[in-house]
Amino acid sequence: MAIAKAERLMNLALCLLGTRRPLSKRELRESIEAYLEAGSDDSFNRMFERDKDDLRELGLVIETVENLDGEVGYLARRDSNRLPPITIDAEEAAALGLAAKVWQQARLAGAASGALQKLRAAGLPEDADVYGSHSALEPRIPAHEAAFEPLMLACRDRRPVVFDYRKATAARPEQRHVEPWALECWRGHWYLAGWDRDRGAERVFRLSRITGKVRARAGKYTADVPDVVTVRETVASWAGESADRTARIRLRSGAGYPLRAKAASVRELGEGWDELEIPYGHGLDAWLVEFGPDVVVLEPAELRADVVDRLRAVAKG
């Protein structure tokens, strides 16, 4: 919404809420500067009717009173537009307090601090143990990537973005045009889910692979935003979390600790190599490529071929 229109709607709402009697169109026009500058009566009438409809759509209850000194008047009674009091119990207050303390980024620190102050005003004791039996723990969600903040705002505002993205199998980044849906943290890494306009499909991007600045673009989304965005499930499938088979790989000693953590068995081969059996599911080849020369796929043959193809693509790049 343009700033001028937002200011005009705010002024109209304040006039309608602040009056004790219905105000006519003439009185409202004289009270609001933007209406005085509207020009002709027809221009003002069209503007006023649009603004009145917009306020009603936003939830303001505006009454129309007939036969007021021969004119039609408008007002918004405070008792009709007052929200009910918000009450929270101790457990809900603790959960909100915990959530407010999670964020450590400077951008969110002010909002989180303000939220905690409102919780205190709502009755949360100053010494409330919002961590329950784990009061010694200080929860944190790290977001060190420069792309986090602009993408968070783009998700909130439903604004398309453009950024350069380097896939695990590519030597150079490529420009991506994305309609961002949601950000989610999974195992210490942030991921963005959204609609990739160039590929015409849903995609998930790891923020640490975004290079350069995230640039916002004008315009509306071209694809519907799903009710549920399964970021973690998608990333888990990349990492072989939804595995239904077992792969056998050789792994250099002292390397690949995430692979070792997932391994069903580990056997020392000597000469600086170990043999691992790990769950095998969709996307495991892309994950293995990230470990470069420290991993050699032994079986199955199809997984080995996929990894080799990805490595060759990187080499050609």
Protein backbone atom coordinates (compact mmCIF):
# COMPACT_ATOMS: atom_id res chain seq x y z
CA MET A 1 0.00 0.00 0.00
CA ALA A 2 1.37 3.45 -0.94
CA ILE A 3 2.38 5.66 1.97
CA ALA A 4 0.00 8.47 0.92
CA LYS A 5 -3.00 6.13 0.81
CA ALA A 6 -2.07 4.47 4.10
CA GLU A 7 -1.84 7.90 5.75
CA ARG A 8 -5.20 8.90 4.27
CA LEU A 9 -6.88 5.73 5.53
CA MET A 10 -5.35 6.24 8.98
CA ASN A 11 -6.63 9.83 9.14
CA LEU A 12 -10.10 8.76 8.04
CA ALA A 13 -10.18 5.97 10.63
CA LEU A 14 -9.08 8.37 13.39
CA CYS A 15 -11.79 10.85 12.42
CA LEU A 16 -14.49 8.20 12.44
CA LEU A 17 -13.29 6.70 15.74
CA GLY A 18 -12.75 10.05 17.44
CA THR A 19 -16.12 11.65 16.79
CA ARG A 20 -19.07 11.48 19.17
CA ARG A 21 -21.59 12.16 16.41
CA PRO A 22 -21.83 11.08 12.79
CA LEU A 23 -19.73 13.20 10.40
CA SER A 24 -20.93 14.10 6.95
CA LYS A 25 -18.82 13.78 3.81
CA ARG A 26 -18.42 17.54 3.81
CA GLU A 27 -17.05 17.57 7.37
CA LEU A 28 -14.70 14.68 6.64
CA ARG A 29 -13.40 16.42 3.53
CA GLU A 30 -12.68 19.56 5.51
CA SER A 31 -10.89 17.56 8.22
CA ILE A 32 -8.53 15.51 6.04
CA GLU A 33 -5.91 17.31 3.97
CA ALA A 34 -5.76 14.67 1.24
CA TYR A 35 -9.48 15.11 0.59
CA LEU A 36 -9.09 18.88 0.32
CA GLU A 37 -6.50 18.29 -2.41
CA ALA A 38 -8.72 15.81 -4.26
CA GLY A 39 -9.93 18.43 -6.74
CA SER A 40 -13.47 18.03 -8.02
CA ASP A 41 -16.39 16.68 -6.01
CA ASP A 42 -16.49 13.60 -8.21
CA SER A 43 -12.83 12.82 -7.51
CA PHE A 44 -13.38 13.25 -3.79
CA ASN A 45 -16.49 11.08 -3.78
CA ARG A 46 -14.72 8.25 -5.61
CA MET A 47 -11.73 8.48 -3.27
CA PHE A 48 -13.90 8.55 -0.16
CA GLU A 49 -16.00 5.58 -1.22
CA ARG A 50 -12.88 3.52 -2.00
CA ASP A 51 -11.32 4.46 1.33
CA LYS A 52 -14.50 3.60 3.22
CA ASP A 53 -14.67 0.20 1.52
CA ASP A 54 -10.98 -0.44 2.24
CA LEU A 55 -11.43 0.33 5.95
CA ARG A 56 -14.42 -1.98 6.15
CA GLU A 57 -12.43 -4.69 4.42
CA LEU A 58 -9.70 -4.22 7.03
CA GLY A 59 -12.28 -4.84 9.75
CA LEU A 60 -13.39 -1.36 10.84
CA VAL A 61 -17.14 -1.23 11.58
CA ILE A 62 -18.42 2.00 10.00
CA GLU A 63 -22.04 3.00 10.61
CA THR A 64 -24.09 5.04 8.17
CA VAL A 65 -26.72 7.32 9.74
CA GLU A 66 -29.50 8.69 7.57
CA ASN A 67 -31.26 12.04 7.82
CA LEU A 68 -28.65 13.92 9.84
CA ASP A 69 -29.61 17.54 9.20
CA GLY A 70 -30.53 16.45 5.72
CA GLU A 71 -27.19 14.73 5.17
CA VAL A 72 -25.79 11.22 5.54
CA GLY A 73 -23.26 10.83 8.35
CA TYR A 74 -20.60 8.27 9.24
CA LEU A 75 -18.95 7.13 12.45
CA ALA A 76 -17.09 4.14 13.88
CA ARG A 77 -18.18 3.48 17.47
CA ARG A 78 -15.33 2.47 19.76
CA ASP A 79 -17.34 -0.25 21.48
CA SER A 80 -17.98 -1.85 18.08
CA ASN A 81 -14.31 -1.72 17.10
CA ARG A 82 -12.64 -2.68 20.37
CA LEU A 83 -10.77 -5.99 20.44
CA PRO A 84 -11.50 -8.29 23.38
CA PRO A 85 -8.79 -8.44 26.06
CA ILE A 86 -6.00 -10.92 25.34
CA THR A 87 -5.35 -13.32 28.18
CA ILE A 88 -2.59 -15.91 28.40
CA ASP A 89 -1.91 -18.51 31.04
CA ALA A 90 1.48 -19.18 32.64
CA GLU A 91 2.43 -21.93 30.18
CA GLU A 92 1.54 -19.79 27.15
CA ALA A 93 3.48 -16.85 28.57
CA ALA A 94 6.48 -19.10 29.15
CA ALA A 95 6.35 -20.40 25.58
CA LEU A 96 6.14 -16.87 24.16
CA GLY A 97 8.94 -15.71 26.44
CA LEU A 98 11.11 -18.58 25.30
CA ALA A 99 10.42 -17.81 21.64
CA ALA A 100 11.26 -14.13 22.15
CA LYS A 101 14.61 -15.02 23.69
CA VAL A 102 15.60 -17.41 20.92
CA TRP A 103 16.54 -14.73 18.41
CA GLN A 104 19.98 -13.22 18.78
CA GLN A 105 20.17 -11.17 15.58
CA ALA A 106 20.38 -7.40 15.96
CA ARG A 107 17.51 -6.88 13.51
CA LEU A 108 15.15 -8.93 15.67
CA ALA A 109 16.51 -7.99 19.07
CA GLY A 110 14.33 -4.87 19.37
CA ALA A 111 11.15 -6.70 18.43
CA ALA A 112 11.95 -9.56 20.78
CA SER A 113 12.70 -7.15 23.62
CA GLY A 114 9.43 -5.32 23.01
CA ALA A 115 7.55 -8.61 23.00
CA LEU A 116 9.04 -9.56 26.36
CA GLN A 117 8.08 -6.16 27.81
CA LYS A 118 4.48 -6.71 26.68
CA LEU A 119 4.53 -10.16 28.29
CA ARG A 120 5.69 -8.60 31.55
CA ALA A 121 2.89 -6.05 31.29
CA ALA A 122 0.44 -8.91 30.70
CA GLY A 123 1.44 -10.47 33.99
CA LEU A 124 4.52 -12.60 33.31
CA PRO A 125 6.64 -12.28 36.48
CA GLU A 126 10.06 -10.70 36.12
CA ASP A 127 11.68 -13.79 37.58
CA ALA A 128 9.53 -16.27 35.65
CA ASP A 129 11.43 -19.40 34.67
CA VAL A 130 10.51 -19.47 30.98
CA TYR A 131 12.81 -22.44 30.49
CA GLY A 132 11.09 -24.67 33.01
CA SER A 133 13.46 -27.31 34.38
CA HIS A 134 16.13 -26.30 31.84
CA SER A 135 16.75 -22.76 33.03
CA ALA A 136 20.51 -23.16 32.55
CA LEU A 137 20.04 -23.46 28.79
CA GLU A 138 20.07 -20.43 26.53
CA PRO A 139 18.37 -21.31 23.22
CA ARG A 140 19.79 -19.81 20.03
CA ILE A 141 18.97 -20.00 16.37
CA PRO A 142 22.05 -18.79 14.46
CA ALA A 143 21.50 -16.86 11.27
CA HIS A 144 24.89 -15.63 10.17
CA GLU A 145 24.17 -15.62 6.43
CA ALA A 146 23.76 -12.16 4.92
CA ALA A 147 20.84 -13.50 2.88
CA PHE A 148 18.76 -14.32 5.96
CA GLU A 149 17.38 -10.86 6.70
CA PRO A 150 16.32 -9.84 3.16
CA LEU A 151 14.78 -13.27 2.58
CA MET A 152 12.92 -13.14 5.88
CA LEU A 153 11.42 -9.78 4.86
CA ALA A 154 10.66 -11.05 1.35
CA CYS A 155 8.80 -14.07 2.78
CA ARG A 156 6.82 -11.78 5.06
CA ASP A 157 5.95 -9.26 2.33
CA ARG A 158 5.40 -11.88 -0.42
CA ARG A 159 7.98 -10.19 -2.63
CA PRO A 160 9.89 -11.96 -5.46
CA VAL A 161 13.69 -11.93 -5.20
CA VAL A 162 16.76 -12.52 -7.35
CA PHE A 163 20.05 -13.96 -6.11
CA ASP A 164 23.10 -15.87 -7.32
CA TYR A 165 23.17 -19.47 -6.11
CA ARG A 166 25.95 -22.03 -6.29
CA LYS A 167 24.81 -25.63 -6.24
CA ALA A 168 26.96 -28.25 -4.56
CA THR A 169 27.75 -29.75 -7.95
CA ALA A 170 28.51 -26.47 -9.75
CA ALA A 171 31.74 -24.54 -9.90
CA ARG A 172 30.04 -21.19 -10.52
CA PRO A 173 26.84 -19.62 -9.20
CA GLU A 174 23.75 -19.13 -11.35
CA GLN A 175 21.14 -16.40 -11.08
CA ARG A 176 17.82 -17.59 -9.66
CA HIS A 177 14.47 -15.82 -9.75
CA VAL A 178 12.47 -17.03 -6.76
CA GLU A 179 9.13 -16.39 -5.10
CA PRO A 180 10.08 -17.06 -1.45
CA TRP A 181 7.65 -19.01 0.74
CA ALA A 182 9.31 -19.94 4.02
CA LEU A 183 12.63 -20.09 5.87
CA GLU A 184 13.48 -22.99 8.14
CA CYS A 185 16.50 -24.07 10.14
CA TRP A 186 17.52 -27.73 9.92
CA ARG A 187 20.56 -29.10 11.73
CA GLY A 188 22.24 -25.72 12.05
CA HIS A 189 21.65 -24.57 8.46
CA TRP A 190 19.00 -22.24 7.07
CA TYR A 191 17.00 -23.18 4.00
CA LEU A 192 14.59 -21.24 1.80
CA ALA A 193 11.63 -22.88 0.10
CA GLY A 194 9.98 -21.14 -2.81
CA TRP A 195 8.93 -21.17 -6.44
CA ASP A 196 11.81 -21.10 -8.92
CA ARG A 197 10.45 -19.08 -11.85
CA ASP A 198 13.19 -20.17 -14.25
CA ARG A 199 12.52 -23.87 -13.66
CA GLY A 200 8.79 -23.55 -13.09
CA ALA A 201 8.93 -25.72 -9.98
CA GLU A 202 9.23 -25.69 -6.20
CA ARG A 203 12.82 -25.57 -4.98
CA VAL A 204 14.70 -25.45 -1.67
CA PHE A 205 17.89 -23.38 -1.36
CA ARG A 206 20.57 -23.50 1.32
CA LEU A 207 21.33 -19.94 2.40
CA SER A 208 25.06 -20.57 2.80
CA ARG A 209 25.23 -21.19 -0.97
CA ILE A 210 23.72 -17.82 -1.87
CA THR A 211 26.45 -15.50 -3.11
CA GLY A 212 26.21 -11.74 -3.33
CA LYS A 213 23.15 -9.70 -2.43
CA VAL A 214 19.51 -10.75 -2.43
CA ARG A 215 17.66 -8.25 -4.58
CA ALA A 216 13.92 -7.66 -4.26
CA ARG A 217 11.74 -7.41 -7.37
CA ALA A 218 8.40 -5.74 -7.95
CA GLY A 219 5.31 -7.63 -8.95
CA LYS A 220 3.03 -10.34 -7.61
CA TYR A 221 3.62 -14.05 -7.17
CA THR A 222 2.86 -16.18 -10.20
CA ALA A 223 2.42 -19.45 -8.26
CA ASP A 224 0.13 -20.27 -5.34
CA VAL A 225 1.79 -20.55 -1.95
CA PRO A 226 1.02 -23.99 -0.48
CA ASP A 227 -0.66 -24.23 2.91
CA VAL A 228 2.16 -26.45 4.18
CA VAL A 229 5.78 -25.97 3.06
CA THR A 230 7.81 -29.10 3.83
CA VAL A 231 11.32 -27.67 4.00
CA ARG A 232 12.76 -30.16 6.47
CA GLU A 233 11.30 -33.17 4.68
CA THR A 234 12.81 -32.00 1.40
CA VAL A 235 16.25 -31.41 2.88
CA ALA A 236 16.08 -34.69 4.79
CA SER A 237 15.48 -36.52 1.52
CA TRP A 238 18.61 -34.91 0.08
CA ALA A 239 20.62 -36.22 3.00
CA GLY A 240 19.21 -39.72 2.70
CA GLU A 241 17.03 -39.39 5.79
CA SER A 242 14.10 -41.02 3.99
CA ALA A 243 16.24 -43.98 3.03
CA ASP A 244 14.99 -47.42 2.04
CA ARG A 245 18.33 -48.94 0.99
CA THR A 246 21.93 -49.12 2.16
CA ALA A 247 25.00 -47.77 0.37
CA ARG A 248 28.59 -48.85 0.95
CA ILE A 249 31.30 -46.20 0.70
CA ARG A 250 34.95 -45.68 1.47
CA LEU A 251 35.68 -42.64 3.60
CA ARG A 252 39.03 -41.10 4.38
CA SER A 253 40.00 -41.48 8.05
CA GLY A 254 39.35 -38.33 10.06
CA ALA A 255 36.92 -36.90 7.47
CA GLY A 256 33.18 -36.89 6.85
CA TYR A 257 31.89 -36.77 10.41
CA PRO A 258 28.26 -36.18 9.31
CA LEU A 259 28.48 -39.40 7.30
CA ARG A 260 29.95 -41.26 10.23
CA ALA A 261 27.10 -40.08 12.43
CA LYS A 262 24.60 -41.62 10.00
CA ALA A 263 26.52 -44.84 9.39
CA ALA A 264 24.94 -48.16 10.29
CA SER A 265 28.45 -49.66 10.54
CA VAL A 266 32.07 -48.48 10.25
CA ARG A 267 35.03 -50.75 9.48
CA GLU A 268 38.67 -49.74 9.33
CA LEU A 269 40.34 -50.64 6.03
CA GLY A 270 43.81 -49.34 6.84
CA GLU A 271 45.99 -46.98 4.80
CA GLY A 272 43.87 -44.01 5.91
CA TRP A 273 40.46 -45.32 4.81
CA ASP A 274 37.32 -46.68 6.46
CA GLU A 275 34.34 -48.51 5.00
CA LEU A 276 30.85 -47.31 5.95
CA GLU A 277 27.34 -48.55 5.40
CA ILE A 278 24.91 -45.63 5.35
CA PRO A 279 21.19 -45.23 4.58
CA TYR A 280 20.58 -44.64 0.90
CA GLY A 281 17.72 -42.48 -0.31
CA HIS A 282 16.92 -39.78 -2.85
CA GLY A 283 19.55 -37.03 -2.96
CA LEU A 284 22.40 -38.94 -1.32
CA ASP A 285 24.57 -38.49 -4.42
CA ALA A 286 24.42 -34.68 -4.10
CA TRP A 287 25.40 -34.90 -0.45
CA LEU A 288 28.32 -37.24 -1.08
CA VAL A 289 29.73 -34.92 -3.75
CA GLU A 290 30.21 -32.25 -1.07
CA PHE A 291 32.93 -34.42 0.52
CA GLY A 292 34.94 -34.46 -2.71
CA PRO A 293 37.96 -36.81 -2.81
CA ASP A 294 37.36 -38.01 0.75
CA VAL A 295 34.53 -40.29 -0.42
CA VAL A 296 34.51 -43.21 -2.85
CA VAL A 297 31.22 -45.00 -3.53
CA LEU A 298 31.57 -48.78 -3.66
CA GLU A 299 27.96 -49.77 -4.20
CA PRO A 300 25.28 -49.64 -5.45
CA ALA A 301 26.53 -49.03 -8.98
CA GLU A 302 23.79 -46.52 -9.79
CA LEU A 303 24.78 -44.32 -6.84
CA ARG A 304 28.43 -44.50 -7.88
CA ALA A 305 27.50 -43.47 -11.42
CA ASP A 306 25.41 -40.53 -10.17
CA VAL A 307 28.26 -39.26 -8.00
CA VAL A 308 30.76 -39.59 -10.86
CA ASP A 309 28.44 -37.67 -13.19
CA ARG A 310 28.09 -34.86 -10.68
CA LEU A 311 31.85 -34.66 -10.15
CA ARG A 312 32.43 -34.50 -13.90
CA ALA A 313 29.93 -31.67 -14.17
CA VAL A 314 31.85 -29.75 -11.52
CA ALA A 315 35.16 -30.43 -13.29
CA LYS A 316 33.78 -29.17 -16.60
CA GLY A 317 32.52 -26.00 -14.93
